[in-house]
N, C-alpha and C. Protein backbone atom coordinates (compact mmCIF):
# COMPACT_ATOMS: atom_id res chain seq x y z
N MET A 1 28.40 -26.80 -82.34
CA MET A 1 28.99 -28.12 -82.41
C MET A 1 30.49 -27.99 -82.11
N THR A 2 30.99 -28.83 -81.17
CA THR A 2 32.40 -28.75 -80.82
C THR A 2 33.26 -29.37 -81.91
N SER A 3 34.54 -29.10 -81.85
CA SER A 3 35.45 -29.63 -82.86
C SER A 3 35.50 -31.16 -82.82
N PHE A 4 35.32 -31.76 -81.61
CA PHE A 4 35.29 -33.22 -81.54
C PHE A 4 34.11 -33.78 -82.32
N TRP A 5 32.95 -33.15 -82.16
CA TRP A 5 31.76 -33.61 -82.87
C TRP A 5 31.94 -33.46 -84.38
N LYS A 6 32.49 -32.32 -84.78
CA LYS A 6 32.70 -32.08 -86.22
C LYS A 6 33.67 -33.09 -86.81
N GLU A 7 34.79 -33.31 -86.11
CA GLU A 7 35.80 -34.25 -86.60
C GLU A 7 35.25 -35.67 -86.63
N ALA A 8 34.51 -36.05 -85.59
CA ALA A 8 33.91 -37.39 -85.55
C ALA A 8 32.94 -37.57 -86.72
N ALA A 9 32.12 -36.58 -86.97
CA ALA A 9 31.17 -36.65 -88.08
C ALA A 9 31.90 -36.76 -89.41
N LYS A 10 32.96 -35.98 -89.56
CA LYS A 10 33.74 -36.00 -90.79
C LYS A 10 34.33 -37.39 -91.05
N ARG A 11 34.77 -38.04 -89.98
CA ARG A 11 35.38 -39.37 -90.11
C ARG A 11 34.36 -40.50 -89.99
N LYS A 12 33.09 -40.13 -89.81
CA LYS A 12 32.01 -41.10 -89.63
C LYS A 12 32.29 -42.02 -88.44
N LEU A 13 32.69 -41.39 -87.33
CA LEU A 13 32.97 -42.08 -86.07
C LEU A 13 32.11 -41.48 -84.97
N THR A 14 31.96 -42.21 -83.90
CA THR A 14 31.35 -41.63 -82.71
C THR A 14 32.44 -40.82 -82.01
N VAL A 15 32.03 -39.91 -81.14
CA VAL A 15 33.02 -39.13 -80.39
C VAL A 15 33.91 -40.05 -79.54
N PRO A 16 33.34 -41.04 -78.80
CA PRO A 16 34.22 -41.93 -78.05
C PRO A 16 35.22 -42.69 -78.94
N ALA A 17 34.79 -43.09 -80.13
CA ALA A 17 35.69 -43.79 -81.05
C ALA A 17 36.80 -42.84 -81.52
N LEU A 18 36.47 -41.59 -81.77
CA LEU A 18 37.47 -40.60 -82.16
C LEU A 18 38.47 -40.38 -81.03
N LEU A 19 37.96 -40.23 -79.80
CA LEU A 19 38.85 -40.04 -78.66
C LEU A 19 39.77 -41.24 -78.49
N ASP A 20 39.23 -42.43 -78.66
CA ASP A 20 40.04 -43.64 -78.54
C ASP A 20 41.12 -43.65 -79.62
N ALA A 21 40.75 -43.31 -80.83
CA ALA A 21 41.71 -43.33 -81.95
C ALA A 21 42.80 -42.28 -81.79
N GLU A 22 42.45 -41.12 -81.30
CA GLU A 22 43.40 -40.01 -81.25
C GLU A 22 44.10 -39.82 -79.91
N ILE A 23 43.55 -40.35 -78.84
CA ILE A 23 44.14 -40.11 -77.53
C ILE A 23 44.47 -41.42 -76.83
N THR A 24 43.46 -42.20 -76.54
CA THR A 24 43.64 -43.41 -75.75
C THR A 24 44.63 -44.37 -76.40
N SER A 25 44.52 -44.57 -77.69
CA SER A 25 45.40 -45.52 -78.38
C SER A 25 46.85 -45.06 -78.42
N LYS A 26 47.10 -43.80 -78.14
CA LYS A 26 48.46 -43.26 -78.19
C LYS A 26 49.10 -43.15 -76.82
N VAL A 27 48.42 -43.68 -75.81
CA VAL A 27 48.93 -43.61 -74.45
C VAL A 27 49.25 -45.03 -73.99
N GLY A 28 50.46 -45.22 -73.47
CA GLY A 28 50.85 -46.53 -72.99
C GLY A 28 50.28 -46.81 -71.61
N LEU A 29 49.99 -48.07 -71.37
CA LEU A 29 49.48 -48.46 -70.07
C LEU A 29 50.63 -48.51 -69.07
N VAL A 30 50.33 -48.21 -67.84
CA VAL A 30 51.31 -48.23 -66.77
C VAL A 30 51.29 -49.62 -66.16
N THR A 31 52.46 -50.23 -65.97
CA THR A 31 52.53 -51.58 -65.42
C THR A 31 52.41 -51.55 -63.90
N GLU A 32 52.09 -52.70 -63.34
CA GLU A 32 52.02 -52.83 -61.88
C GLU A 32 53.37 -52.49 -61.25
N GLN A 33 54.44 -52.89 -61.91
CA GLN A 33 55.79 -52.61 -61.40
C GLN A 33 56.07 -51.11 -61.38
N GLU A 34 55.61 -50.40 -62.39
CA GLU A 34 55.80 -48.95 -62.43
C GLU A 34 55.01 -48.25 -61.34
N ILE A 35 53.80 -48.74 -61.08
CA ILE A 35 52.99 -48.17 -60.00
C ILE A 35 53.67 -48.40 -58.66
N GLU A 36 54.13 -49.63 -58.44
CA GLU A 36 54.81 -49.97 -57.19
C GLU A 36 56.07 -49.13 -57.00
N LYS A 37 56.86 -49.01 -58.06
CA LYS A 37 58.10 -48.22 -57.99
C LYS A 37 57.79 -46.76 -57.67
N PHE A 38 56.81 -46.19 -58.36
CA PHE A 38 56.43 -44.80 -58.12
C PHE A 38 56.00 -44.61 -56.67
N TYR A 39 55.15 -45.53 -56.19
CA TYR A 39 54.66 -45.41 -54.82
C TYR A 39 55.81 -45.51 -53.82
N GLN A 40 56.69 -46.47 -54.01
CA GLN A 40 57.82 -46.64 -53.08
C GLN A 40 58.74 -45.42 -53.08
N GLU A 41 58.97 -44.85 -54.24
CA GLU A 41 59.84 -43.68 -54.34
C GLU A 41 59.21 -42.43 -53.73
N LYS A 42 57.89 -42.33 -53.76
CA LYS A 42 57.20 -41.11 -53.35
C LYS A 42 56.34 -41.27 -52.10
N LYS A 43 56.37 -42.44 -51.45
CA LYS A 43 55.41 -42.68 -50.39
C LYS A 43 55.52 -41.71 -49.22
N ALA A 44 56.68 -41.11 -49.01
CA ALA A 44 56.80 -40.12 -47.94
C ALA A 44 55.98 -38.87 -48.27
N GLN A 45 55.76 -38.61 -49.55
CA GLN A 45 55.02 -37.42 -49.98
C GLN A 45 53.55 -37.72 -50.27
N ILE A 46 53.21 -39.01 -50.36
CA ILE A 46 51.85 -39.41 -50.71
C ILE A 46 51.04 -39.64 -49.45
N LYS A 47 49.87 -39.06 -49.41
CA LYS A 47 48.96 -39.25 -48.27
C LYS A 47 48.03 -40.42 -48.59
N GLY A 48 48.18 -41.52 -47.89
CA GLY A 48 47.33 -42.68 -48.10
C GLY A 48 48.12 -43.91 -48.48
N GLU A 49 47.47 -45.04 -48.33
CA GLU A 49 48.08 -46.31 -48.70
C GLU A 49 48.03 -46.49 -50.21
N GLN A 50 48.89 -47.37 -50.72
CA GLN A 50 48.97 -47.58 -52.16
C GLN A 50 47.62 -47.96 -52.76
N ALA A 51 46.88 -48.84 -52.11
CA ALA A 51 45.58 -49.27 -52.63
C ALA A 51 44.63 -48.08 -52.77
N GLN A 52 44.75 -47.11 -51.88
CA GLN A 52 43.86 -45.95 -51.91
C GLN A 52 44.23 -44.96 -53.01
N VAL A 53 45.48 -44.88 -53.37
CA VAL A 53 45.93 -43.88 -54.34
C VAL A 53 46.36 -44.49 -55.67
N ARG A 54 46.14 -45.79 -55.82
CA ARG A 54 46.59 -46.49 -57.03
C ARG A 54 46.07 -45.85 -58.31
N GLU A 55 44.79 -45.56 -58.37
CA GLU A 55 44.20 -44.98 -59.59
C GLU A 55 44.82 -43.62 -59.90
N GLN A 56 45.07 -42.83 -58.86
CA GLN A 56 45.71 -41.52 -59.08
C GLN A 56 47.13 -41.69 -59.59
N ILE A 57 47.86 -42.65 -59.03
CA ILE A 57 49.23 -42.91 -59.50
C ILE A 57 49.19 -43.35 -60.96
N GLU A 58 48.26 -44.23 -61.29
CA GLU A 58 48.15 -44.74 -62.65
C GLU A 58 47.86 -43.61 -63.64
N SER A 59 46.91 -42.74 -63.32
CA SER A 59 46.59 -41.65 -64.24
C SER A 59 47.73 -40.63 -64.32
N PHE A 60 48.40 -40.39 -63.20
CA PHE A 60 49.53 -39.47 -63.18
C PHE A 60 50.70 -40.02 -63.99
N SER A 61 50.85 -41.35 -63.97
CA SER A 61 52.00 -41.98 -64.59
C SER A 61 51.76 -42.42 -66.03
N THR A 62 50.57 -42.22 -66.56
CA THR A 62 50.28 -42.62 -67.93
C THR A 62 51.27 -41.93 -68.86
N LYS A 63 51.79 -42.69 -69.79
CA LYS A 63 52.87 -42.16 -70.63
C LYS A 63 52.55 -42.32 -72.11
N PRO A 64 53.03 -41.39 -72.92
CA PRO A 64 52.81 -41.53 -74.37
C PRO A 64 53.60 -42.70 -74.90
N LYS A 65 53.06 -43.38 -75.92
CA LYS A 65 53.80 -44.47 -76.56
C LYS A 65 54.94 -43.87 -77.37
N VAL A 66 56.07 -44.52 -77.36
CA VAL A 66 57.21 -44.06 -78.14
C VAL A 66 56.93 -44.33 -79.61
N GLY A 67 57.10 -43.31 -80.42
CA GLY A 67 56.89 -43.46 -81.86
C GLY A 67 55.43 -43.61 -82.25
N GLY A 68 54.50 -43.32 -81.31
CA GLY A 68 53.08 -43.52 -81.60
C GLY A 68 52.48 -42.30 -82.01
């Protein structure tokens, strides 16, 4: 049994609920403006149009919440 399963069982949560509580909820969402700014600043180095690489930019740019 992995540590995620053990911790989830200990807290009486599902593994996805544990991941959401410990990881997803502590990550801030990236705004459309941040994605646009990143793309414009890096487009010479990025292969593809913004629509094609948007998801990659979003995951790359995900940021921790301050004080979270």
